[in-house]
């Protein structure tokens, strides 16, 4: 088991144990709420290893929403290499 920190970017962290990152992302979505903030999964050193971006608009046909809430949605998790430019 690996320890992950789920950061809801609103001051709330959830520390979990999971077999792998895929299981950690499932647990992150299960505990998600309408914060209008991204969800980040961090390792034990608080390095961001995956991110689900928040979009405050309804999803388009090509989007892969994990959760639709409050007129917006959380997009599929991506590893942080994808967001290196941010």
PDB file of N, CA and C in Angstrom:
ATOM      1  N   UNK A   1       0.846  -1.190   0.000  1.00  0.00           N
ATOM      2  CA  UNK A   1       0.000   0.000   0.000  1.00  0.00           C
ATOM      3  C   UNK A   1       0.886   1.246   0.000  1.00  0.00           C
ATOM      4  N   UNK A   2       0.389   2.247  -0.673  1.00  0.00           N
ATOM      5  CA  UNK A   2       1.088   3.517  -0.772  1.00  0.00           C
ATOM      6  C   UNK A   2       0.224   4.612  -0.164  1.00  0.00           C
ATOM      7  N   UNK A   3       0.853   5.574   0.490  1.00  0.00           N
ATOM      8  CA  UNK A   3       0.142   6.705   1.062  1.00  0.00           C
ATOM      9  C   UNK A   3       0.047   7.814   0.029  1.00  0.00           C
ATOM     10  N   UNK A   4      -1.151   8.330  -0.155  1.00  0.00           N
ATOM     11  CA  UNK A   4      -1.409   9.457  -1.047  1.00  0.00           C
ATOM     12  C   UNK A   4      -2.124  10.540  -0.268  1.00  0.00           C
ATOM     13  N   UNK A   5      -1.889  11.779  -0.653  1.00  0.00           N
ATOM     14  CA  UNK A   5      -2.602  12.927  -0.093  1.00  0.00           C
ATOM     15  C   UNK A   5      -3.494  13.478  -1.198  1.00  0.00           C
ATOM     16  N   UNK A   6      -4.779  13.536  -0.940  1.00  0.00           N
ATOM     17  CA  UNK A   6      -5.697  14.129  -1.907  1.00  0.00           C
ATOM     18  C   UNK A   6      -5.929  15.567  -1.478  1.00  0.00           C
ATOM     19  N   UNK A   7      -5.590  16.486  -2.366  1.00  0.00           N
ATOM     20  CA  UNK A   7      -5.686  17.920  -2.106  1.00  0.00           C
ATOM     21  C   UNK A   7      -6.844  18.473  -2.921  1.00  0.00           C
ATOM     22  N   UNK A   8      -7.882  18.923  -2.228  1.00  0.00           N
ATOM     23  CA  UNK A   8      -9.042  19.481  -2.912  1.00  0.00           C
ATOM     24  C   UNK A   8      -8.886  20.982  -3.168  1.00  0.00           C
ATOM     25  N   UNK A   9      -7.700  21.515  -2.887  1.00  0.00           N
ATOM     26  CA  UNK A   9      -7.323  22.907  -3.192  1.00  0.00           C
ATOM     27  C   UNK A   9      -8.246  23.931  -2.545  1.00  0.00           C
ATOM     28  N   UNK A  10      -8.848  23.537  -1.449  1.00  0.00           N
ATOM     29  CA  UNK A  10      -9.685  24.461  -0.685  1.00  0.00           C
ATOM     30  C   UNK A  10      -9.302  24.426   0.795  1.00  0.00           C
ATOM     31  N   UNK A  11      -8.112  23.875   1.083  1.00  0.00           N
ATOM     32  CA  UNK A  11      -7.642  23.745   2.453  1.00  0.00           C
ATOM     33  C   UNK A  11      -7.905  22.370   3.036  1.00  0.00           C
ATOM     34  N   UNK A  12      -8.629  21.520   2.317  1.00  0.00           N
ATOM     35  CA  UNK A  12      -8.960  20.189   2.806  1.00  0.00           C
ATOM     36  C   UNK A  12      -8.073  19.153   2.133  1.00  0.00           C
ATOM     37  N   UNK A  13      -7.352  18.378   2.951  1.00  0.00           N
ATOM     38  CA  UNK A  13      -6.539  17.261   2.488  1.00  0.00           C
ATOM     39  C   UNK A  13      -7.131  15.975   3.042  1.00  0.00           C
ATOM     40  N   UNK A  14      -7.038  14.920   2.280  1.00  0.00           N
ATOM     41  CA  UNK A  14      -7.452  13.601   2.722  1.00  0.00           C
ATOM     42  C   UNK A  14      -6.254  12.675   2.522  1.00  0.00           C
ATOM     43  N   UNK A  15      -5.790  12.033   3.577  1.00  0.00           N
ATOM     44  CA  UNK A  15      -4.690  11.081   3.479  1.00  0.00           C
ATOM     45  C   UNK A  15      -5.281   9.688   3.367  1.00  0.00           C
ATOM     46  N   UNK A  16      -4.864   8.958   2.335  1.00  0.00           N
ATOM     47  CA  UNK A  16      -5.409   7.623   2.096  1.00  0.00           C
ATOM     48  C   UNK A  16      -4.288   6.629   1.847  1.00  0.00           C
ATOM     49  N   UNK A  17      -4.620   5.373   1.976  1.00  0.00           N
ATOM     50  CA  UNK A  17      -3.756   4.271   1.576  1.00  0.00           C
ATOM     51  C   UNK A  17      -4.419   3.630   0.362  1.00  0.00           C
ATOM     52  N   UNK A  18      -3.645   3.378  -0.685  1.00  0.00           N
ATOM     53  CA  UNK A  18      -4.188   2.764  -1.898  1.00  0.00           C
ATOM     54  C   UNK A  18      -3.134   1.862  -2.522  1.00  0.00           C
ATOM     55  N   UNK A  19      -3.616   0.877  -3.262  1.00  0.00           N
ATOM     56  CA  UNK A  19      -2.714  -0.051  -3.954  1.00  0.00           C
ATOM     57  C   UNK A  19      -1.906   0.645  -5.044  1.00  0.00           C
ATOM     58  N   UNK A  20      -2.566   1.599  -5.741  1.00  0.00           N
ATOM     59  CA  UNK A  20      -1.909   2.297  -6.841  1.00  0.00           C
ATOM     60  C   UNK A  20      -2.617   3.626  -7.093  1.00  0.00           C
ATOM     61  N   UNK A  21      -2.096   4.367  -8.055  1.00  0.00           N
ATOM     62  CA  UNK A  21      -2.650   5.682  -8.364  1.00  0.00           C
ATOM     63  C   UNK A  21      -4.083   5.588  -8.876  1.00  0.00           C
ATOM     64  N   UNK A  22      -4.388   4.547  -9.620  1.00  0.00           N
ATOM     65  CA  UNK A  22      -5.750   4.373 -10.133  1.00  0.00           C
ATOM     66  C   UNK A  22      -6.757   4.271  -8.981  1.00  0.00           C
ATOM     67  N   UNK A  23      -6.421   3.493  -7.976  1.00  0.00           N
ATOM     68  CA  UNK A  23      -7.306   3.379  -6.811  1.00  0.00           C
ATOM     69  C   UNK A  23      -7.403   4.715  -6.070  1.00  0.00           C
ATOM     70  N   UNK A  24      -6.300   5.440  -5.993  1.00  0.00           N
ATOM     71  CA  UNK A  24      -6.301   6.749  -5.326  1.00  0.00           C
ATOM     72  C   UNK A  24      -7.211   7.739  -6.055  1.00  0.00           C
ATOM     73  N   UNK A  25      -7.205   7.695  -7.391  1.00  0.00           N
ATOM     74  CA  UNK A  25      -8.076   8.614  -8.133  1.00  0.00           C
ATOM     75  C   UNK A  25      -9.543   8.288  -7.892  1.00  0.00           C
ATOM     76  N   UNK A  26      -9.874   7.015  -7.788  1.00  0.00           N
ATOM     77  CA  UNK A  26     -11.264   6.626  -7.495  1.00  0.00           C
ATOM     78  C   UNK A  26     -11.700   7.149  -6.135  1.00  0.00           C
ATOM     79  N   UNK A  27     -10.825   7.030  -5.138  1.00  0.00           N
ATOM     80  CA  UNK A  27     -11.147   7.511  -3.801  1.00  0.00           C
ATOM     81  C   UNK A  27     -11.269   9.034  -3.789  1.00  0.00           C
ATOM     82  N   UNK A  28     -10.466   9.708  -4.597  1.00  0.00           N
ATOM     83  CA  UNK A  28     -10.539  11.169  -4.671  1.00  0.00           C
ATOM     84  C   UNK A  28     -11.889  11.627  -5.207  1.00  0.00           C
ATOM     85  N   UNK A  29     -12.374  10.951  -6.232  1.00  0.00           N
ATOM     86  CA  UNK A  29     -13.668  11.313  -6.831  1.00  0.00           C
ATOM     87  C   UNK A  29     -14.807  11.001  -5.860  1.00  0.00           C
ATOM     88  N   UNK A  30     -14.716   9.895  -5.144  1.00  0.00           N
ATOM     89  CA  UNK A  30     -15.757   9.530  -4.180  1.00  0.00           C
ATOM     90  C   UNK A  30     -15.935  10.597  -3.105  1.00  0.00           C
ATOM     91  N   UNK A  31     -14.866  11.289  -2.760  1.00  0.00           N
ATOM     92  CA  UNK A  31     -14.917  12.300  -1.699  1.00  0.00           C
ATOM     93  C   UNK A  31     -15.003  13.720  -2.239  1.00  0.00           C
ATOM     94  N   UNK A  32     -15.116  13.875  -3.541  1.00  0.00           N
ATOM     95  CA  UNK A  32     -15.142  15.213  -4.154  1.00  0.00           C
ATOM     96  C   UNK A  32     -16.438  15.945  -3.818  1.00  0.00           C
ATOM     97  N   UNK A  33     -16.335  17.263  -3.809  1.00  0.00           N
ATOM     98  CA  UNK A  33     -17.487  18.129  -3.565  1.00  0.00           C
ATOM     99  C   UNK A  33     -17.379  19.337  -4.493  1.00  0.00           C
ATOM    100  N   UNK A  34     -18.385  20.157  -4.474  1.00  0.00           N
ATOM    101  CA  UNK A  34     -18.431  21.347  -5.329  1.00  0.00           C
ATOM    102  C   UNK A  34     -17.554  22.437  -4.728  1.00  0.00           C
ATOM    103  N   UNK A  35     -16.296  22.471  -5.142  1.00  0.00           N
ATOM    104  CA  UNK A  35     -15.360  23.473  -4.626  1.00  0.00           C
ATOM    105  C   UNK A  35     -14.933  24.468  -5.690  1.00  0.00           C
ATOM    106  N   UNK A  36     -15.198  24.162  -6.945  1.00  0.00           N
ATOM    107  CA  UNK A  36     -14.737  24.961  -8.080  1.00  0.00           C
ATOM    108  C   UNK A  36     -13.216  25.048  -8.120  1.00  0.00           C
ATOM    109  N   UNK A  37     -12.551  24.018  -7.593  1.00  0.00           N
ATOM    110  CA  UNK A  37     -11.093  23.950  -7.573  1.00  0.00           C
ATOM    111  C   UNK A  37     -10.652  22.610  -8.144  1.00  0.00           C
ATOM    112  N   UNK A  38      -9.434  22.563  -8.659  1.00  0.00           N
ATOM    113  CA  UNK A  38      -8.862  21.314  -9.138  1.00  0.00           C
ATOM    114  C   UNK A  38      -8.706  20.331  -7.978  1.00  0.00           C
ATOM    115  N   UNK A  39      -8.588  19.055  -8.298  1.00  0.00           N
ATOM    116  CA  UNK A  39      -8.257  18.024  -7.317  1.00  0.00           C
ATOM    117  C   UNK A  39      -6.865  17.515  -7.675  1.00  0.00           C
ATOM    118  N   UNK A  40      -5.973  17.544  -6.685  1.00  0.00           N
ATOM    119  CA  UNK A  40      -4.602  17.080  -6.906  1.00  0.00           C
ATOM    120  C   UNK A  40      -4.323  15.880  -6.021  1.00  0.00           C
ATOM    121  N   UNK A  41      -3.630  14.910  -6.574  1.00  0.00           N
ATOM    122  CA  UNK A  41      -3.163  13.782  -5.782  1.00  0.00           C
ATOM    123  C   UNK A  41      -1.667  13.964  -5.599  1.00  0.00           C
ATOM    124  N   UNK A  42      -1.255  13.920  -4.347  1.00  0.00           N
ATOM    125  CA  UNK A  42       0.142  14.174  -4.005  1.00  0.00           C
ATOM    126  C   UNK A  42       0.764  12.926  -3.376  1.00  0.00           C
ATOM    127  N   UNK A  43       2.078  12.830  -3.518  1.00  0.00           N
ATOM    128  CA  UNK A  43       2.787  11.724  -2.877  1.00  0.00           C
ATOM    129  C   UNK A  43       3.099  12.081  -1.424  1.00  0.00           C
ATOM    130  N   UNK A  44       3.840  11.216  -0.750  1.00  0.00           N
ATOM    131  CA  UNK A  44       4.127  11.435   0.674  1.00  0.00           C
ATOM    132  C   UNK A  44       4.973  12.681   0.921  1.00  0.00           C
ATOM    133  N   UNK A  45       5.636  13.202  -0.122  1.00  0.00           N
ATOM    134  CA  UNK A  45       6.432  14.427  -0.011  1.00  0.00           C
ATOM    135  C   UNK A  45       5.667  15.659  -0.504  1.00  0.00           C
ATOM    136  N   UNK A  46       4.380  15.497  -0.731  1.00  0.00           N
ATOM    137  CA  UNK A  46       3.471  16.553  -1.205  1.00  0.00           C
ATOM    138  C   UNK A  46       3.755  16.997  -2.642  1.00  0.00           C
ATOM    139  N   UNK A  47       4.455  16.181  -3.420  1.00  0.00           N
ATOM    140  CA  UNK A  47       4.632  16.466  -4.841  1.00  0.00           C
ATOM    141  C   UNK A  47       3.346  16.064  -5.562  1.00  0.00           C
ATOM    142  N   UNK A  48       2.854  16.916  -6.443  1.00  0.00           N
ATOM    143  CA  UNK A  48       1.656  16.597  -7.201  1.00  0.00           C
ATOM    144  C   UNK A  48       1.998  15.565  -8.257  1.00  0.00           C
ATOM    145  N   UNK A  49       1.248  14.458  -8.271  1.00  0.00           N
ATOM    146  CA  UNK A  49       1.516  13.392  -9.233  1.00  0.00           C
ATOM    147  C   UNK A  49       0.366  13.190 -10.211  1.00  0.00           C
ATOM    148  N   UNK A  50      -0.814  13.731  -9.890  1.00  0.00           N
ATOM    149  CA  UNK A  50      -1.958  13.662 -10.801  1.00  0.00           C
ATOM    150  C   UNK A  50      -2.898  14.815 -10.475  1.00  0.00           C
ATOM    151  N   UNK A  51      -3.629  15.248 -11.498  1.00  0.00           N
ATOM    152  CA  UNK A  51      -4.536  16.379 -11.309  1.00  0.00           C
ATOM    153  C   UNK A  51      -5.803  16.179 -12.137  1.00  0.00           C
ATOM    154  N   UNK A  52      -6.924  16.542 -11.532  1.00  0.00           N
ATOM    155  CA  UNK A  52      -8.202  16.590 -12.228  1.00  0.00           C
ATOM    156  C   UNK A  52      -8.607  18.057 -12.269  1.00  0.00           C
ATOM    157  N   UNK A  53      -8.657  18.608 -13.457  1.00  0.00           N
ATOM    158  CA  UNK A  53      -8.964  20.036 -13.624  1.00  0.00           C
ATOM    159  C   UNK A  53     -10.461  20.278 -13.466  1.00  0.00           C
ATOM    160  N   UNK A  54     -10.803  21.390 -12.840  1.00  0.00           N
ATOM    161  CA  UNK A  54     -12.189  21.831 -12.693  1.00  0.00           C
ATOM    162  C   UNK A  54     -12.515  22.789 -13.839  1.00  0.00           C
ATOM    163  N   UNK A  55     -13.660  22.581 -14.451  1.00  0.00           N
ATOM    164  CA  UNK A  55     -14.161  23.483 -15.488  1.00  0.00           C
ATOM    165  C   UNK A  55     -15.564  23.910 -15.091  1.00  0.00           C
ATOM    166  N   UNK A  56     -15.783  25.198 -15.016  1.00  0.00           N
ATOM    167  CA  UNK A  56     -17.058  25.748 -14.559  1.00  0.00           C
ATOM    168  C   UNK A  56     -18.094  25.886 -15.651  1.00  0.00           C
ATOM    169  N   UNK A  57     -18.079  24.983 -16.591  1.00  0.00           N
ATOM    170  CA  UNK A  57     -19.050  24.954 -17.690  1.00  0.00           C
ATOM    171  C   UNK A  57     -19.491  23.503 -17.893  1.00  0.00           C
ATOM    172  N   UNK A  58     -20.633  23.280 -18.529  1.00  0.00           N
ATOM    173  CA  UNK A  58     -21.024  21.893 -18.812  1.00  0.00           C
ATOM    174  C   UNK A  58     -20.021  21.233 -19.762  1.00  0.00           C
ATOM    175  N   UNK A  59     -19.825  19.928 -19.645  1.00  0.00           N
ATOM    176  CA  UNK A  59     -18.869  19.242 -20.522  1.00  0.00           C
ATOM    177  C   UNK A  59     -19.352  19.179 -21.968  1.00  0.00           C
ATOM    178  N   UNK A  60     -18.403  19.195 -22.875  1.00  0.00           N
ATOM    179  CA  UNK A  60     -18.689  19.001 -24.293  1.00  0.00           C
ATOM    180  C   UNK A  60     -18.662  17.498 -24.586  1.00  0.00           C
ATOM    181  N   UNK A  61     -19.052  17.127 -25.784  1.00  0.00           N
ATOM    182  CA  UNK A  61     -19.090  15.716 -26.169  1.00  0.00           C
ATOM    183  C   UNK A  61     -17.737  15.027 -26.044  1.00  0.00           C
ATOM    184  N   UNK A  62     -16.650  15.742 -26.285  1.00  0.00           N
ATOM    185  CA  UNK A  62     -15.314  15.150 -26.286  1.00  0.00           C
ATOM    186  C   UNK A  62     -14.676  15.116 -24.894  1.00  0.00           C
ATOM    187  N   UNK A  63     -15.279  15.789 -23.918  1.00  0.00           N
ATOM    188  CA  UNK A  63     -14.744  15.779 -22.569  1.00  0.00           C
ATOM    189  C   UNK A  63     -14.958  14.416 -21.919  1.00  0.00           C
ATOM    190  N   UNK A  64     -14.171  14.142 -20.890  1.00  0.00           N
ATOM    191  CA  UNK A  64     -14.282  12.894 -20.141  1.00  0.00           C
ATOM    192  C   UNK A  64     -14.536  13.226 -18.671  1.00  0.00           C
ATOM    193  N   UNK A  65     -15.753  13.704 -18.365  1.00  0.00           N
ATOM    194  CA  UNK A  65     -16.002  14.141 -16.987  1.00  0.00           C
ATOM    195  C   UNK A  65     -16.002  12.978 -15.998  1.00  0.00           C
ATOM    196  N   UNK A  66     -15.321  13.200 -14.884  1.00  0.00           N
ATOM    197  CA  UNK A  66     -15.362  12.238 -13.785  1.00  0.00           C
ATOM    198  C   UNK A  66     -16.607  12.465 -12.943  1.00  0.00           C
ATOM    199  N   UNK A  67     -16.952  13.751 -12.799  1.00  0.00           N
ATOM    200  CA  UNK A  67     -18.058  14.132 -11.945  1.00  0.00           C
ATOM    201  C   UNK A  67     -18.612  15.460 -12.446  1.00  0.00           C
ATOM    202  N   UNK A  68     -19.910  15.507 -12.682  1.00  0.00           N
ATOM    203  CA  UNK A  68     -20.579  16.753 -13.038  1.00  0.00           C
ATOM    204  C   UNK A  68     -21.286  17.266 -11.795  1.00  0.00           C
ATOM    205  N   UNK A  69     -21.038  18.536 -11.480  1.00  0.00           N
ATOM    206  CA  UNK A  69     -21.607  19.115 -10.264  1.00  0.00           C
ATOM    207  C   UNK A  69     -21.674  20.630 -10.391  1.00  0.00           C
ATOM    208  N   UNK A  70     -22.766  21.228  -9.937  1.00  0.00           N
ATOM    209  CA  UNK A  70     -22.886  22.683  -9.893  1.00  0.00           C
ATOM    210  C   UNK A  70     -22.733  23.380 -11.232  1.00  0.00           C
ATOM    211  N   UNK A  71     -23.131  22.746 -12.320  1.00  0.00           N
ATOM    212  CA  UNK A  71     -23.022  23.368 -13.629  1.00  0.00           C
ATOM    213  C   UNK A  71     -21.656  23.241 -14.273  1.00  0.00           C
ATOM    214  N   UNK A  72     -20.730  22.562 -13.609  1.00  0.00           N
ATOM    215  CA  UNK A  72     -19.394  22.341 -14.155  1.00  0.00           C
ATOM    216  C   UNK A  72     -19.021  20.875 -14.011  1.00  0.00           C
ATOM    217  N   UNK A  73     -17.723  20.596 -14.191  1.00  0.00           N
ATOM    218  CA  UNK A  73     -17.293  19.208 -14.087  1.00  0.00           C
ATOM    219  C   UNK A  73     -15.807  19.110 -13.773  1.00  0.00           C
ATOM    220  N   UNK A  74     -15.439  17.956 -13.200  1.00  0.00           N
ATOM    221  CA  UNK A  74     -14.041  17.588 -13.019  1.00  0.00           C
ATOM    222  C   UNK A  74     -13.656  16.697 -14.188  1.00  0.00           C
ATOM    223  N   UNK A  75     -12.561  17.042 -14.854  1.00  0.00           N
ATOM    224  CA  UNK A  75     -12.082  16.279 -16.000  1.00  0.00           C
ATOM    225  C   UNK A  75     -11.291  15.059 -15.522  1.00  0.00           C
ATOM    226  N   UNK A  76     -11.048  14.125 -16.427  1.00  0.00           N
ATOM    227  CA  UNK A  76     -10.275  12.921 -16.106  1.00  0.00           C
ATOM    228  C   UNK A  76      -8.913  13.298 -15.545  1.00  0.00           C
ATOM    229  N   UNK A  77      -8.424  12.502 -14.608  1.00  0.00           N
ATOM    230  CA  UNK A  77      -7.105  12.744 -14.040  1.00  0.00           C
ATOM    231  C   UNK A  77      -6.034  12.582 -15.107  1.00  0.00           C
ATOM    232  N   UNK A  78      -5.041  13.446 -15.034  1.00  0.00           N
ATOM    233  CA  UNK A  78      -3.852  13.381 -15.882  1.00  0.00           C
ATOM    234  C   UNK A  78      -2.638  13.376 -14.969  1.00  0.00           C
ATOM    235  N   UNK A  79      -1.563  12.706 -15.397  1.00  0.00           N
ATOM    236  CA  UNK A  79      -0.365  12.822 -14.584  1.00  0.00           C
ATOM    237  C   UNK A  79       0.220  14.206 -14.781  1.00  0.00           C
ATOM    238  N   UNK A  80       1.053  14.638 -13.872  1.00  0.00           N
ATOM    239  CA  UNK A  80       1.508  16.031 -13.881  1.00  0.00           C
ATOM    240  C   UNK A  80       2.449  16.352 -15.036  1.00  0.00           C
ATOM    241  N   UNK A  81       3.036  15.374 -15.677  1.00  0.00           N
ATOM    242  CA  UNK A  81       3.873  15.657 -16.842  1.00  0.00           C
ATOM    243  C   UNK A  81       3.055  16.341 -17.938  1.00  0.00           C
ATOM    244  N   UNK A  82       1.763  15.991 -18.012  1.00  0.00           N
ATOM    245  CA  UNK A  82       0.866  16.589 -18.987  1.00  0.00           C
ATOM    246  C   UNK A  82       0.692  18.097 -18.743  1.00  0.00           C
ATOM    247  N   UNK A  83       0.769  18.504 -17.484  1.00  0.00           N
ATOM    248  CA  UNK A  83       0.547  19.906 -17.111  1.00  0.00           C
ATOM    249  C   UNK A  83       1.826  20.636 -16.763  1.00  0.00           C
ATOM    250  N   UNK A  84       2.949  20.177 -17.303  1.00  0.00           N
ATOM    251  CA  UNK A  84       4.239  20.786 -16.998  1.00  0.00           C
ATOM    252  C   UNK A  84       4.277  22.283 -17.312  1.00  0.00           C
ATOM    253  N   UNK A  85       3.536  22.701 -18.299  1.00  0.00           N
ATOM    254  CA  UNK A  85       3.572  24.088 -18.742  1.00  0.00           C
ATOM    255  C   UNK A  85       2.811  25.024 -17.822  1.00  0.00           C
ATOM    256  N   UNK A  86       2.023  24.506 -16.894  1.00  0.00           N
ATOM    257  CA  UNK A  86       1.212  25.361 -16.003  1.00  0.00           C
ATOM    258  C   UNK A  86       2.078  25.922 -14.897  1.00  0.00           C
TER     259      UNK A  86
END
